Amino acid sequence: MSAAPAEQPYGDRSLLDEANRLMERNPGYRVEIIGGVIVVTPPADLAHSRAVKKLDRPFLAAGLDDGETEVHQGIGLWLPAGPSDYAIPDLCIVDADADEYLVENNCYDPSVFRLVLEVTSSNYQNDLRGKVTAYGNAKIPVYVIVDRRHNRLHVLTDPTADGYGTHRVHAPGELVTLPESIGAEVTLDVAEVLAAGGCGDGAG
């Protein structure tokens, strides 16, 4: 991960313009603005991509990509904490009418997001700290973190202004049922999710 502080001068460019410039110059990288800081994440490794792909399956099997909700990867989420803040979660569940809530820069209003999910990579502290505050402040109801570094699955609910009121950490061997507020009952096998992410092989 590399990050540029908000106060760094960009000439006549705004923070958002600089983020877009970095994205154009670094194809395949994910560029976000979290807490007024530009965060640049290298392209995902195969284990990261595999975990996200396999996590699609229980949500699709539960019917969450039909009817009132849709399941997406890499969709922009506009964050209310700063004038240019936005994130691009690995996976999300949004209301089916999310198209009507486009805010700016291909990012959508947080009110249409029912769940966001991140699979940690080299910048794991951003997922475990900065995004906890950002997503909680944006009132995202459920935030799931596949923590490949520590071999754990985090489920955060009850968003607050500075994070989440409930933060449960789950280990391999557990089955975790997510809140039905996402639109259906979905149970994740922690061991399977972590294995898909390459945990135990030095991932993260």
N, C-alpha and C. Protein backbone atom coordinates (compact mmCIF):
# COMPACT_ATOMS: atom_id res chain seq x y z
N MET A 1 0.83 -1.19 0.00
CA MET A 1 0.00 0.00 0.00
C MET A 1 0.87 1.24 0.00
N SER A 2 0.45 2.23 -0.76
CA SER A 2 1.06 3.54 -0.66
C SER A 2 -0.05 4.54 -0.44
N ALA A 3 0.22 5.60 0.29
CA ALA A 3 -0.83 6.57 0.58
C ALA A 3 -0.27 7.97 0.49
N ALA A 4 -1.08 8.89 0.01
CA ALA A 4 -0.67 10.29 -0.10
C ALA A 4 -1.57 11.12 0.79
N PRO A 5 -1.03 11.90 1.72
CA PRO A 5 -1.86 12.70 2.61
C PRO A 5 -2.61 13.78 1.87
N ALA A 6 -3.77 14.17 2.44
CA ALA A 6 -4.65 15.13 1.77
C ALA A 6 -3.98 16.48 1.58
N GLU A 7 -3.06 16.83 2.49
CA GLU A 7 -2.47 18.15 2.39
C GLU A 7 -1.36 18.24 1.34
N GLN A 8 -1.00 17.12 0.71
CA GLN A 8 0.04 17.14 -0.31
C GLN A 8 -0.41 18.01 -1.48
N PRO A 9 0.43 18.92 -1.95
CA PRO A 9 0.01 19.79 -3.05
C PRO A 9 -0.05 19.03 -4.37
N TYR A 10 -1.11 19.27 -5.13
CA TYR A 10 -1.28 18.63 -6.43
C TYR A 10 -1.42 19.69 -7.53
N GLY A 11 -0.84 20.86 -7.28
CA GLY A 11 -0.98 21.93 -8.25
C GLY A 11 -2.43 22.39 -8.30
N ASP A 12 -2.98 22.42 -9.51
CA ASP A 12 -4.37 22.85 -9.67
C ASP A 12 -5.35 21.70 -9.52
N ARG A 13 -4.86 20.49 -9.30
CA ARG A 13 -5.75 19.33 -9.22
C ARG A 13 -6.34 19.20 -7.82
N SER A 14 -7.60 18.78 -7.76
CA SER A 14 -8.24 18.46 -6.49
C SER A 14 -7.78 17.08 -6.04
N LEU A 15 -8.12 16.74 -4.82
CA LEU A 15 -7.78 15.41 -4.29
C LEU A 15 -8.41 14.32 -5.16
N LEU A 16 -9.66 14.54 -5.56
CA LEU A 16 -10.34 13.57 -6.40
C LEU A 16 -9.70 13.47 -7.77
N ASP A 17 -9.30 14.61 -8.33
CA ASP A 17 -8.62 14.59 -9.62
C ASP A 17 -7.30 13.83 -9.53
N GLU A 18 -6.57 14.02 -8.43
CA GLU A 18 -5.30 13.32 -8.25
C GLU A 18 -5.52 11.82 -8.12
N ALA A 19 -6.58 11.42 -7.41
CA ALA A 19 -6.89 10.00 -7.29
C ALA A 19 -7.19 9.39 -8.65
N ASN A 20 -7.96 10.11 -9.45
CA ASN A 20 -8.28 9.60 -10.79
C ASN A 20 -7.05 9.55 -11.68
N ARG A 21 -6.15 10.52 -11.52
CA ARG A 21 -4.91 10.52 -12.30
C ARG A 21 -4.07 9.29 -11.93
N LEU A 22 -4.00 8.99 -10.64
CA LEU A 22 -3.23 7.82 -10.20
C LEU A 22 -3.84 6.53 -10.74
N MET A 23 -5.17 6.46 -10.79
CA MET A 23 -5.83 5.27 -11.30
C MET A 23 -5.54 5.09 -12.79
N GLU A 24 -5.54 6.18 -13.53
CA GLU A 24 -5.25 6.10 -14.97
C GLU A 24 -3.82 5.68 -15.22
N ARG A 25 -2.89 6.13 -14.37
CA ARG A 25 -1.47 5.83 -14.56
C ARG A 25 -1.09 4.44 -14.03
N ASN A 26 -1.96 3.83 -13.24
CA ASN A 26 -1.65 2.53 -12.63
C ASN A 26 -2.79 1.55 -12.88
N PRO A 27 -2.94 1.09 -14.13
CA PRO A 27 -4.04 0.17 -14.45
C PRO A 27 -4.00 -1.08 -13.56
N GLY A 28 -5.15 -1.47 -13.07
CA GLY A 28 -5.24 -2.64 -12.22
C GLY A 28 -5.13 -2.34 -10.74
N TYR A 29 -4.64 -1.15 -10.40
CA TYR A 29 -4.56 -0.76 -9.00
C TYR A 29 -5.90 -0.19 -8.54
N ARG A 30 -6.18 -0.35 -7.25
CA ARG A 30 -7.39 0.24 -6.68
C ARG A 30 -7.00 1.51 -5.95
N VAL A 31 -7.65 2.62 -6.31
CA VAL A 31 -7.36 3.91 -5.71
C VAL A 31 -8.61 4.37 -4.96
N GLU A 32 -8.46 4.70 -3.69
CA GLU A 32 -9.56 5.15 -2.85
C GLU A 32 -9.12 6.39 -2.07
N ILE A 33 -10.10 7.11 -1.53
CA ILE A 33 -9.81 8.22 -0.61
C ILE A 33 -10.53 7.92 0.69
N ILE A 34 -9.76 7.60 1.72
CA ILE A 34 -10.31 7.23 3.02
C ILE A 34 -9.82 8.24 4.05
N GLY A 35 -10.74 8.95 4.68
CA GLY A 35 -10.34 9.94 5.67
C GLY A 35 -9.46 11.03 5.12
N GLY A 36 -9.72 11.42 3.86
CA GLY A 36 -8.94 12.48 3.24
C GLY A 36 -7.56 12.06 2.79
N VAL A 37 -7.30 10.75 2.77
CA VAL A 37 -6.00 10.22 2.36
C VAL A 37 -6.18 9.31 1.14
N ILE A 38 -5.37 9.53 0.12
CA ILE A 38 -5.40 8.65 -1.05
C ILE A 38 -4.69 7.34 -0.71
N VAL A 39 -5.39 6.24 -0.94
CA VAL A 39 -4.85 4.91 -0.68
C VAL A 39 -4.79 4.15 -2.00
N VAL A 40 -3.61 3.66 -2.34
CA VAL A 40 -3.41 2.93 -3.59
C VAL A 40 -3.05 1.48 -3.25
N THR A 41 -3.87 0.56 -3.73
CA THR A 41 -3.68 -0.86 -3.43
C THR A 41 -3.25 -1.60 -4.70
N PRO A 42 -2.18 -2.39 -4.63
CA PRO A 42 -1.72 -3.14 -5.81
C PRO A 42 -2.77 -4.15 -6.26
N PRO A 43 -2.65 -4.64 -7.50
CA PRO A 43 -3.59 -5.65 -7.99
C PRO A 43 -3.63 -6.86 -7.07
N ALA A 44 -4.81 -7.47 -6.98
CA ALA A 44 -5.00 -8.62 -6.09
C ALA A 44 -4.19 -9.83 -6.55
N ASP A 45 -3.72 -10.62 -5.57
CA ASP A 45 -3.10 -11.90 -5.92
C ASP A 45 -4.22 -12.93 -6.17
N LEU A 46 -3.83 -14.12 -6.63
CA LEU A 46 -4.83 -15.13 -6.97
C LEU A 46 -5.66 -15.55 -5.77
N ALA A 47 -5.02 -15.68 -4.60
CA ALA A 47 -5.75 -16.11 -3.41
C ALA A 47 -6.82 -15.08 -3.03
N HIS A 48 -6.48 -13.81 -3.15
CA HIS A 48 -7.45 -12.75 -2.85
C HIS A 48 -8.62 -12.84 -3.82
N SER A 49 -8.33 -12.94 -5.10
CA SER A 49 -9.37 -13.03 -6.12
C SER A 49 -10.23 -14.27 -5.91
N ARG A 50 -9.58 -15.39 -5.57
CA ARG A 50 -10.30 -16.65 -5.35
C ARG A 50 -11.28 -16.51 -4.18
N ALA A 51 -10.84 -15.87 -3.10
CA ALA A 51 -11.70 -15.70 -1.93
C ALA A 51 -12.93 -14.87 -2.28
N VAL A 52 -12.73 -13.76 -3.01
CA VAL A 52 -13.86 -12.92 -3.38
C VAL A 52 -14.82 -13.68 -4.29
N LYS A 53 -14.27 -14.42 -5.25
CA LYS A 53 -15.10 -15.18 -6.17
C LYS A 53 -15.93 -16.22 -5.45
N LYS A 54 -15.30 -16.94 -4.50
CA LYS A 54 -16.04 -17.98 -3.78
C LYS A 54 -17.04 -17.40 -2.79
N LEU A 55 -16.77 -16.19 -2.32
CA LEU A 55 -17.73 -15.56 -1.41
C LEU A 55 -18.97 -15.08 -2.15
N ASP A 56 -18.87 -14.90 -3.44
CA ASP A 56 -20.05 -14.59 -4.24
C ASP A 56 -21.12 -15.68 -4.10
N ARG A 57 -20.66 -16.92 -4.01
CA ARG A 57 -21.55 -18.06 -4.18
C ARG A 57 -22.66 -18.16 -3.14
N PRO A 58 -22.36 -18.05 -1.83
CA PRO A 58 -23.47 -18.16 -0.88
C PRO A 58 -24.50 -17.04 -1.01
N PHE A 59 -24.05 -15.85 -1.42
CA PHE A 59 -24.99 -14.75 -1.61
C PHE A 59 -25.87 -14.99 -2.83
N LEU A 60 -25.26 -15.50 -3.90
CA LEU A 60 -26.03 -15.81 -5.10
C LEU A 60 -27.00 -16.95 -4.82
N ALA A 61 -26.54 -17.98 -4.09
CA ALA A 61 -27.39 -19.12 -3.77
C ALA A 61 -28.59 -18.72 -2.92
N ALA A 62 -28.42 -17.67 -2.12
CA ALA A 62 -29.51 -17.19 -1.27
C ALA A 62 -30.49 -16.30 -2.02
N GLY A 63 -30.23 -16.07 -3.30
CA GLY A 63 -31.13 -15.26 -4.11
C GLY A 63 -30.91 -13.77 -3.99
N LEU A 64 -29.75 -13.37 -3.47
CA LEU A 64 -29.51 -11.95 -3.23
C LEU A 64 -29.11 -11.17 -4.49
N ASP A 65 -28.99 -11.86 -5.62
CA ASP A 65 -28.70 -11.16 -6.87
C ASP A 65 -29.95 -11.07 -7.74
N ASP A 66 -31.09 -11.33 -7.13
CA ASP A 66 -32.37 -11.27 -7.84
C ASP A 66 -33.36 -10.48 -6.99
N GLY A 67 -34.32 -9.88 -7.62
CA GLY A 67 -35.38 -9.21 -6.87
C GLY A 67 -34.94 -7.87 -6.30
N GLU A 68 -34.97 -7.75 -4.97
CA GLU A 68 -34.74 -6.46 -4.31
C GLU A 68 -33.28 -6.08 -4.16
N THR A 69 -32.36 -7.02 -4.37
CA THR A 69 -30.94 -6.75 -4.15
C THR A 69 -30.09 -7.29 -5.29
N GLU A 70 -28.84 -6.80 -5.34
CA GLU A 70 -27.86 -7.30 -6.30
C GLU A 70 -26.52 -7.47 -5.59
N VAL A 71 -25.71 -8.39 -6.09
CA VAL A 71 -24.37 -8.65 -5.57
C VAL A 71 -23.36 -8.15 -6.59
N HIS A 72 -22.41 -7.33 -6.14
CA HIS A 72 -21.42 -6.75 -7.05
C HIS A 72 -20.02 -6.81 -6.46
N GLN A 73 -19.04 -6.72 -7.33
CA GLN A 73 -17.64 -6.57 -6.94
C GLN A 73 -17.10 -5.26 -7.50
N GLY A 74 -16.31 -4.56 -6.67
CA GLY A 74 -15.61 -3.37 -7.14
C GLY A 74 -16.49 -2.19 -7.49
N ILE A 75 -17.58 -1.98 -6.74
CA ILE A 75 -18.48 -0.85 -6.98
C ILE A 75 -18.12 0.29 -6.03
N GLY A 76 -18.07 1.51 -6.55
CA GLY A 76 -17.69 2.66 -5.75
C GLY A 76 -18.74 3.04 -4.72
N LEU A 77 -18.30 3.34 -3.51
CA LEU A 77 -19.16 3.74 -2.40
C LEU A 77 -18.74 5.14 -1.95
N TRP A 78 -19.63 6.12 -2.13
CA TRP A 78 -19.33 7.49 -1.72
C TRP A 78 -19.43 7.59 -0.21
N LEU A 79 -18.42 8.17 0.43
CA LEU A 79 -18.37 8.24 1.88
C LEU A 79 -18.65 9.66 2.36
N PRO A 80 -19.48 9.82 3.38
CA PRO A 80 -19.87 11.16 3.84
C PRO A 80 -18.84 11.84 4.72
N ALA A 81 -17.77 11.15 5.12
CA ALA A 81 -16.83 11.72 6.09
C ALA A 81 -16.03 12.90 5.53
N GLY A 82 -15.82 12.93 4.24
CA GLY A 82 -15.03 14.01 3.63
C GLY A 82 -15.61 14.42 2.30
N PRO A 83 -15.20 15.55 1.77
CA PRO A 83 -15.79 16.04 0.51
C PRO A 83 -15.46 15.19 -0.70
N SER A 84 -14.39 14.39 -0.63
CA SER A 84 -13.99 13.58 -1.78
C SER A 84 -13.80 12.11 -1.42
N ASP A 85 -14.19 11.70 -0.22
CA ASP A 85 -13.92 10.34 0.22
C ASP A 85 -14.79 9.32 -0.52
N TYR A 86 -14.16 8.22 -0.89
CA TYR A 86 -14.90 7.10 -1.46
C TYR A 86 -14.08 5.83 -1.27
N ALA A 87 -14.76 4.69 -1.31
CA ALA A 87 -14.11 3.39 -1.19
C ALA A 87 -14.63 2.48 -2.30
N ILE A 88 -13.87 1.43 -2.56
CA ILE A 88 -14.28 0.44 -3.56
C ILE A 88 -14.19 -0.94 -2.89
N PRO A 89 -15.23 -1.35 -2.17
CA PRO A 89 -15.16 -2.64 -1.48
C PRO A 89 -15.04 -3.80 -2.45
N ASP A 90 -14.41 -4.89 -1.96
CA ASP A 90 -14.22 -6.06 -2.80
C ASP A 90 -15.55 -6.64 -3.26
N LEU A 91 -16.52 -6.67 -2.36
CA LEU A 91 -17.82 -7.25 -2.67
C LEU A 91 -18.88 -6.48 -1.90
N CYS A 92 -20.06 -6.35 -2.47
CA CYS A 92 -21.13 -5.65 -1.75
C CYS A 92 -22.48 -6.18 -2.17
N ILE A 93 -23.46 -5.94 -1.31
CA ILE A 93 -24.86 -6.19 -1.62
C ILE A 93 -25.56 -4.85 -1.59
N VAL A 94 -26.22 -4.52 -2.70
CA VAL A 94 -26.89 -3.22 -2.81
C VAL A 94 -28.35 -3.41 -3.18
N ASP A 95 -29.15 -2.37 -2.93
CA ASP A 95 -30.53 -2.38 -3.37
C ASP A 95 -30.59 -2.43 -4.89
N ALA A 96 -31.61 -3.06 -5.41
CA ALA A 96 -31.71 -3.25 -6.86
C ALA A 96 -31.85 -1.93 -7.62
N ASP A 97 -32.31 -0.87 -6.93
CA ASP A 97 -32.45 0.42 -7.61
C ASP A 97 -31.25 1.32 -7.38
N ALA A 98 -30.09 0.74 -7.08
CA ALA A 98 -28.89 1.52 -6.77
C ALA A 98 -28.50 2.46 -7.90
N ASP A 99 -28.84 2.11 -9.14
CA ASP A 99 -28.51 2.98 -10.28
C ASP A 99 -29.03 4.39 -10.09
N GLU A 100 -30.12 4.53 -9.38
CA GLU A 100 -30.75 5.83 -9.20
C GLU A 100 -30.03 6.69 -8.15
N TYR A 101 -29.02 6.11 -7.50
CA TYR A 101 -28.35 6.81 -6.39
C TYR A 101 -26.87 7.07 -6.68
N LEU A 102 -26.55 7.27 -7.94
CA LEU A 102 -25.20 7.64 -8.33
C LEU A 102 -24.91 9.04 -7.79
N VAL A 103 -23.76 9.20 -7.09
CA VAL A 103 -23.41 10.48 -6.51
C VAL A 103 -22.39 11.20 -7.38
N GLU A 104 -21.20 10.61 -7.52
CA GLU A 104 -20.11 11.24 -8.26
C GLU A 104 -19.01 10.21 -8.49
N ASN A 105 -18.24 10.39 -9.56
CA ASN A 105 -17.05 9.58 -9.78
C ASN A 105 -17.36 8.07 -9.81
N ASN A 106 -18.52 7.71 -10.38
CA ASN A 106 -18.96 6.31 -10.43
C ASN A 106 -19.13 5.70 -9.05
N CYS A 107 -19.49 6.50 -8.08
CA CYS A 107 -19.72 6.03 -6.71
C CYS A 107 -21.18 6.26 -6.34
N TYR A 108 -21.70 5.37 -5.48
CA TYR A 108 -23.11 5.38 -5.15
C TYR A 108 -23.33 5.74 -3.68
N ASP A 109 -24.51 6.27 -3.41
CA ASP A 109 -24.86 6.71 -2.06
C ASP A 109 -24.82 5.52 -1.09
N PRO A 110 -24.26 5.72 0.10
CA PRO A 110 -24.15 4.60 1.05
C PRO A 110 -25.49 4.02 1.48
N SER A 111 -26.57 4.77 1.32
CA SER A 111 -27.87 4.28 1.77
C SER A 111 -28.34 3.04 1.02
N VAL A 112 -27.78 2.77 -0.16
CA VAL A 112 -28.22 1.60 -0.94
C VAL A 112 -27.40 0.35 -0.65
N PHE A 113 -26.37 0.47 0.19
CA PHE A 113 -25.51 -0.67 0.50
C PHE A 113 -26.02 -1.39 1.75
N ARG A 114 -26.26 -2.69 1.61
CA ARG A 114 -26.71 -3.49 2.76
C ARG A 114 -25.54 -4.20 3.43
N LEU A 115 -24.52 -4.49 2.66
CA LEU A 115 -23.33 -5.18 3.19
C LEU A 115 -22.14 -4.81 2.33
N VAL A 116 -20.99 -4.64 2.96
CA VAL A 116 -19.72 -4.53 2.23
C VAL A 116 -18.77 -5.57 2.80
N LEU A 117 -17.91 -6.09 1.94
CA LEU A 117 -16.98 -7.14 2.35
C LEU A 117 -15.60 -6.82 1.78
N GLU A 118 -14.60 -6.97 2.63
CA GLU A 118 -13.21 -6.78 2.21
C GLU A 118 -12.41 -8.03 2.51
N VAL A 119 -11.55 -8.41 1.57
CA VAL A 119 -10.56 -9.47 1.78
C VAL A 119 -9.21 -8.77 1.93
N THR A 120 -8.55 -8.95 3.07
CA THR A 120 -7.33 -8.19 3.34
C THR A 120 -6.22 -8.57 2.38
N SER A 121 -5.37 -7.56 2.11
CA SER A 121 -4.17 -7.76 1.30
C SER A 121 -3.02 -7.09 2.03
N SER A 122 -2.07 -6.54 1.30
CA SER A 122 -0.89 -5.97 1.95
C SER A 122 -1.24 -4.77 2.83
N ASN A 123 -2.35 -4.11 2.54
CA ASN A 123 -2.75 -2.96 3.35
C ASN A 123 -3.86 -3.35 4.34
N TYR A 124 -3.67 -4.49 5.00
CA TYR A 124 -4.72 -5.04 5.86
C TYR A 124 -5.15 -4.09 6.96
N GLN A 125 -4.25 -3.23 7.43
CA GLN A 125 -4.61 -2.31 8.51
C GLN A 125 -5.68 -1.32 8.06
N ASN A 126 -5.70 -1.00 6.78
CA ASN A 126 -6.73 -0.11 6.27
C ASN A 126 -8.11 -0.76 6.39
N ASP A 127 -8.21 -2.06 6.06
CA ASP A 127 -9.48 -2.76 6.17
C ASP A 127 -9.91 -2.91 7.63
N LEU A 128 -8.94 -3.13 8.52
CA LEU A 128 -9.25 -3.40 9.93
C LEU A 128 -9.41 -2.13 10.77
N ARG A 129 -8.98 -0.99 10.25
CA ARG A 129 -9.05 0.24 11.03
C ARG A 129 -9.76 1.36 10.26
N GLY A 130 -9.09 1.90 9.24
CA GLY A 130 -9.63 3.05 8.53
C GLY A 130 -11.00 2.80 7.95
N LYS A 131 -11.21 1.63 7.35
CA LYS A 131 -12.51 1.36 6.74
C LYS A 131 -13.58 1.02 7.76
N VAL A 132 -13.17 0.54 8.93
CA VAL A 132 -14.15 0.32 10.00
C VAL A 132 -14.80 1.65 10.35
N THR A 133 -13.98 2.67 10.53
CA THR A 133 -14.51 4.01 10.84
C THR A 133 -15.32 4.56 9.67
N ALA A 134 -14.77 4.43 8.45
CA ALA A 134 -15.43 4.99 7.27
C ALA A 134 -16.78 4.34 7.00
N TYR A 135 -16.83 3.01 7.04
CA TYR A 135 -18.09 2.32 6.74
C TYR A 135 -19.10 2.51 7.87
N GLY A 136 -18.62 2.54 9.11
CA GLY A 136 -19.54 2.79 10.22
C GLY A 136 -20.15 4.18 10.12
N ASN A 137 -19.30 5.18 9.85
CA ASN A 137 -19.78 6.54 9.69
C ASN A 137 -20.78 6.68 8.55
N ALA A 138 -20.59 5.86 7.50
CA ALA A 138 -21.50 5.87 6.36
C ALA A 138 -22.78 5.07 6.61
N LYS A 139 -22.88 4.46 7.79
CA LYS A 139 -24.06 3.69 8.22
C LYS A 139 -24.30 2.46 7.36
N ILE A 140 -23.20 1.82 6.93
CA ILE A 140 -23.33 0.54 6.23
C ILE A 140 -23.73 -0.50 7.27
N PRO A 141 -24.86 -1.19 7.11
CA PRO A 141 -25.36 -2.06 8.19
C PRO A 141 -24.46 -3.22 8.57
N VAL A 142 -23.80 -3.83 7.59
CA VAL A 142 -22.96 -5.00 7.86
C VAL A 142 -21.64 -4.86 7.12
N TYR A 143 -20.54 -5.04 7.86
CA TYR A 143 -19.20 -5.02 7.26
C TYR A 143 -18.52 -6.33 7.62
N VAL A 144 -18.12 -7.09 6.60
CA VAL A 144 -17.45 -8.38 6.79
C VAL A 144 -16.01 -8.24 6.31
N ILE A 145 -15.07 -8.72 7.12
CA ILE A 145 -13.65 -8.69 6.76
C ILE A 145 -13.10 -10.11 6.78
N VAL A 146 -12.56 -10.54 5.66
CA VAL A 146 -11.82 -11.81 5.61
C VAL A 146 -10.37 -11.45 5.90
N ASP A 147 -9.96 -11.71 7.13
CA ASP A 147 -8.65 -11.29 7.63
C ASP A 147 -7.64 -12.40 7.36
N ARG A 148 -6.98 -12.30 6.21
CA ARG A 148 -6.05 -13.35 5.80
C ARG A 148 -4.77 -13.35 6.63
N ARG A 149 -4.41 -12.21 7.19
CA ARG A 149 -3.18 -12.16 7.98
C ARG A 149 -3.34 -12.89 9.31
N HIS A 150 -4.50 -12.72 9.95
CA HIS A 150 -4.69 -13.28 11.28
C HIS A 150 -5.61 -14.51 11.28
N ASN A 151 -6.00 -14.97 10.08
CA ASN A 151 -6.79 -16.19 9.93
C ASN A 151 -8.11 -16.09 10.70
N ARG A 152 -8.81 -14.98 10.50
CA ARG A 152 -10.06 -14.73 11.20
C ARG A 152 -11.08 -14.11 10.25
N LEU A 153 -12.35 -14.24 10.61
CA LEU A 153 -13.43 -13.57 9.89
C LEU A 153 -14.10 -12.60 10.86
N HIS A 154 -14.17 -11.34 10.47
CA HIS A 154 -14.78 -10.31 11.31
C HIS A 154 -16.16 -9.96 10.74
N VAL A 155 -17.14 -9.84 11.63
CA VAL A 155 -18.47 -9.38 11.24
C VAL A 155 -18.83 -8.20 12.13
N LEU A 156 -19.00 -7.03 11.50
CA LEU A 156 -19.31 -5.80 12.23
C LEU A 156 -20.72 -5.34 11.90
N THR A 157 -21.49 -5.01 12.94
CA THR A 157 -22.86 -4.55 12.77
C THR A 157 -23.12 -3.38 13.72
N ASP A 158 -24.28 -2.79 13.63
CA ASP A 158 -24.67 -1.65 14.46
C ASP A 158 -23.72 -0.47 14.23
N PRO A 159 -23.77 0.14 13.04
CA PRO A 159 -22.85 1.24 12.73
C PRO A 159 -23.04 2.45 13.64
N THR A 160 -21.91 3.12 13.92
CA THR A 160 -21.90 4.33 14.73
C THR A 160 -21.10 5.39 13.97
N ALA A 161 -21.01 6.58 14.54
CA ALA A 161 -20.30 7.67 13.88
C ALA A 161 -18.82 7.39 13.72
N ASP A 162 -18.25 6.55 14.58
CA ASP A 162 -16.81 6.28 14.51
C ASP A 162 -16.48 4.80 14.39
N GLY A 163 -17.42 3.99 13.90
CA GLY A 163 -17.14 2.58 13.72
C GLY A 163 -18.40 1.74 13.83
N TYR A 164 -18.32 0.68 14.60
CA TYR A 164 -19.45 -0.23 14.77
C TYR A 164 -19.62 -0.59 16.23
N GLY A 165 -20.87 -0.68 16.65
CA GLY A 165 -21.15 -1.03 18.04
C GLY A 165 -20.91 -2.49 18.35
N THR A 166 -21.02 -3.35 17.33
CA THR A 166 -20.81 -4.78 17.53
C THR A 166 -19.74 -5.27 16.56
N HIS A 167 -18.71 -5.92 17.11
CA HIS A 167 -17.60 -6.43 16.29
C HIS A 167 -17.28 -7.83 16.80
N ARG A 168 -17.69 -8.82 16.02
CA ARG A 168 -17.44 -10.22 16.40
C ARG A 168 -16.36 -10.81 15.51
N VAL A 169 -15.45 -11.55 16.14
CA VAL A 169 -14.34 -12.17 15.43
C VAL A 169 -14.53 -13.68 15.49
N HIS A 170 -14.45 -14.34 14.33
CA HIS A 170 -14.73 -15.77 14.23
C HIS A 170 -13.52 -16.52 13.71
N ALA A 171 -13.33 -17.73 14.24
CA ALA A 171 -12.18 -18.57 13.89
C ALA A 171 -12.63 -19.76 13.06
N PRO A 172 -11.68 -20.44 12.39
CA PRO A 172 -12.01 -21.65 11.65
C PRO A 172 -12.73 -22.66 12.55
N GLY A 173 -13.71 -23.34 11.98
CA GLY A 173 -14.52 -24.26 12.76
C GLY A 173 -15.89 -23.70 13.10
N GLU A 174 -16.04 -22.38 12.95
CA GLU A 174 -17.32 -21.74 13.24
C GLU A 174 -18.14 -21.56 11.97
N LEU A 175 -19.46 -21.56 12.16
CA LEU A 175 -20.40 -21.18 11.10
C LEU A 175 -21.00 -19.85 11.52
N VAL A 176 -21.02 -18.89 10.63
CA VAL A 176 -21.48 -17.54 10.95
C VAL A 176 -22.69 -17.20 10.08
N THR A 177 -23.81 -16.94 10.74
CA THR A 177 -25.01 -16.52 10.03
C THR A 177 -25.09 -15.00 10.05
N LEU A 178 -25.12 -14.40 8.88
CA LEU A 178 -25.14 -12.95 8.76
C LEU A 178 -26.55 -12.41 9.05
N PRO A 179 -26.65 -11.16 9.46
CA PRO A 179 -27.96 -10.57 9.75
C PRO A 179 -28.89 -10.65 8.54
N GLU A 180 -30.16 -10.96 8.79
CA GLU A 180 -31.12 -11.10 7.70
C GLU A 180 -31.44 -9.75 7.05
N SER A 181 -30.95 -8.67 7.64
CA SER A 181 -31.16 -7.35 7.05
C SER A 181 -30.51 -7.23 5.67
N ILE A 182 -29.58 -8.13 5.34
CA ILE A 182 -28.96 -8.08 4.02
C ILE A 182 -29.93 -8.55 2.93
N GLY A 183 -31.03 -9.20 3.35
CA GLY A 183 -32.04 -9.60 2.38
C GLY A 183 -32.37 -11.07 2.37
N ALA A 184 -31.54 -11.89 3.03
CA ALA A 184 -31.77 -13.33 3.09
C ALA A 184 -30.86 -13.91 4.17
N GLU A 185 -31.13 -15.14 4.55
CA GLU A 185 -30.26 -15.80 5.53
C GLU A 185 -29.06 -16.41 4.80
N VAL A 186 -27.88 -15.99 5.19
CA VAL A 186 -26.64 -16.49 4.60
C VAL A 186 -25.72 -16.95 5.73
N THR A 187 -25.25 -18.19 5.64
CA THR A 187 -24.32 -18.73 6.64
C THR A 187 -22.98 -19.01 5.97
N LEU A 188 -21.92 -18.50 6.58
CA LEU A 188 -20.57 -18.69 6.04
C LEU A 188 -19.81 -19.68 6.90
N ASP A 189 -19.13 -20.61 6.25
CA ASP A 189 -18.22 -21.53 6.92
C ASP A 189 -16.86 -20.83 6.99
N VAL A 190 -16.45 -20.46 8.20
CA VAL A 190 -15.24 -19.65 8.36
C VAL A 190 -14.02 -20.37 7.78
N ALA A 191 -13.90 -21.67 8.04
CA ALA A 191 -12.74 -22.42 7.53
C ALA A 191 -12.69 -22.39 6.01
N GLU A 192 -13.84 -22.57 5.36
CA GLU A 192 -13.87 -22.57 3.89
C GLU A 192 -13.52 -21.21 3.33
N VAL A 193 -14.05 -20.16 3.96
CA VAL A 193 -13.77 -18.81 3.48
C VAL A 193 -12.28 -18.49 3.60
N LEU A 194 -11.69 -18.81 4.74
CA LEU A 194 -10.28 -18.53 4.96
C LEU A 194 -9.39 -19.38 4.07
N ALA A 195 -9.78 -20.64 3.86
CA ALA A 195 -8.99 -21.50 2.97
C ALA A 195 -9.00 -20.97 1.56
N ALA A 196 -10.14 -20.45 1.12
CA ALA A 196 -10.22 -19.87 -0.24
C ALA A 196 -9.28 -18.69 -0.38
N GLY A 197 -9.07 -17.96 0.73
CA GLY A 197 -8.17 -16.81 0.70
C GLY A 197 -6.72 -17.16 0.89
N GLY A 198 -6.41 -18.45 1.01
CA GLY A 198 -5.01 -18.86 1.15
C GLY A 198 -4.46 -18.70 2.55
N CYS A 199 -5.33 -18.61 3.56
CA CYS A 199 -4.84 -18.46 4.92
C CYS A 199 -4.04 -19.70 5.34
N GLY A 200 -3.02 -19.43 6.11
CA GLY A 200 -2.13 -20.49 6.51
C GLY A 200 -0.95 -20.65 5.58
N ASP A 201 -0.98 -19.90 4.45
CA ASP A 201 0.12 -19.97 3.47
C ASP A 201 0.88 -18.66 3.38
N GLY A 202 0.77 -17.85 4.46
CA GLY A 202 1.48 -16.59 4.45
C GLY A 202 0.76 -15.50 3.70
N ALA A 203 -0.54 -15.67 3.51
CA ALA A 203 -1.31 -14.66 2.79
C ALA A 203 -1.42 -13.40 3.60
N GLY A 204 -1.69 -12.30 2.88
CA GLY A 204 -1.90 -11.03 3.53
C GLY A 204 -0.71 -10.14 3.44
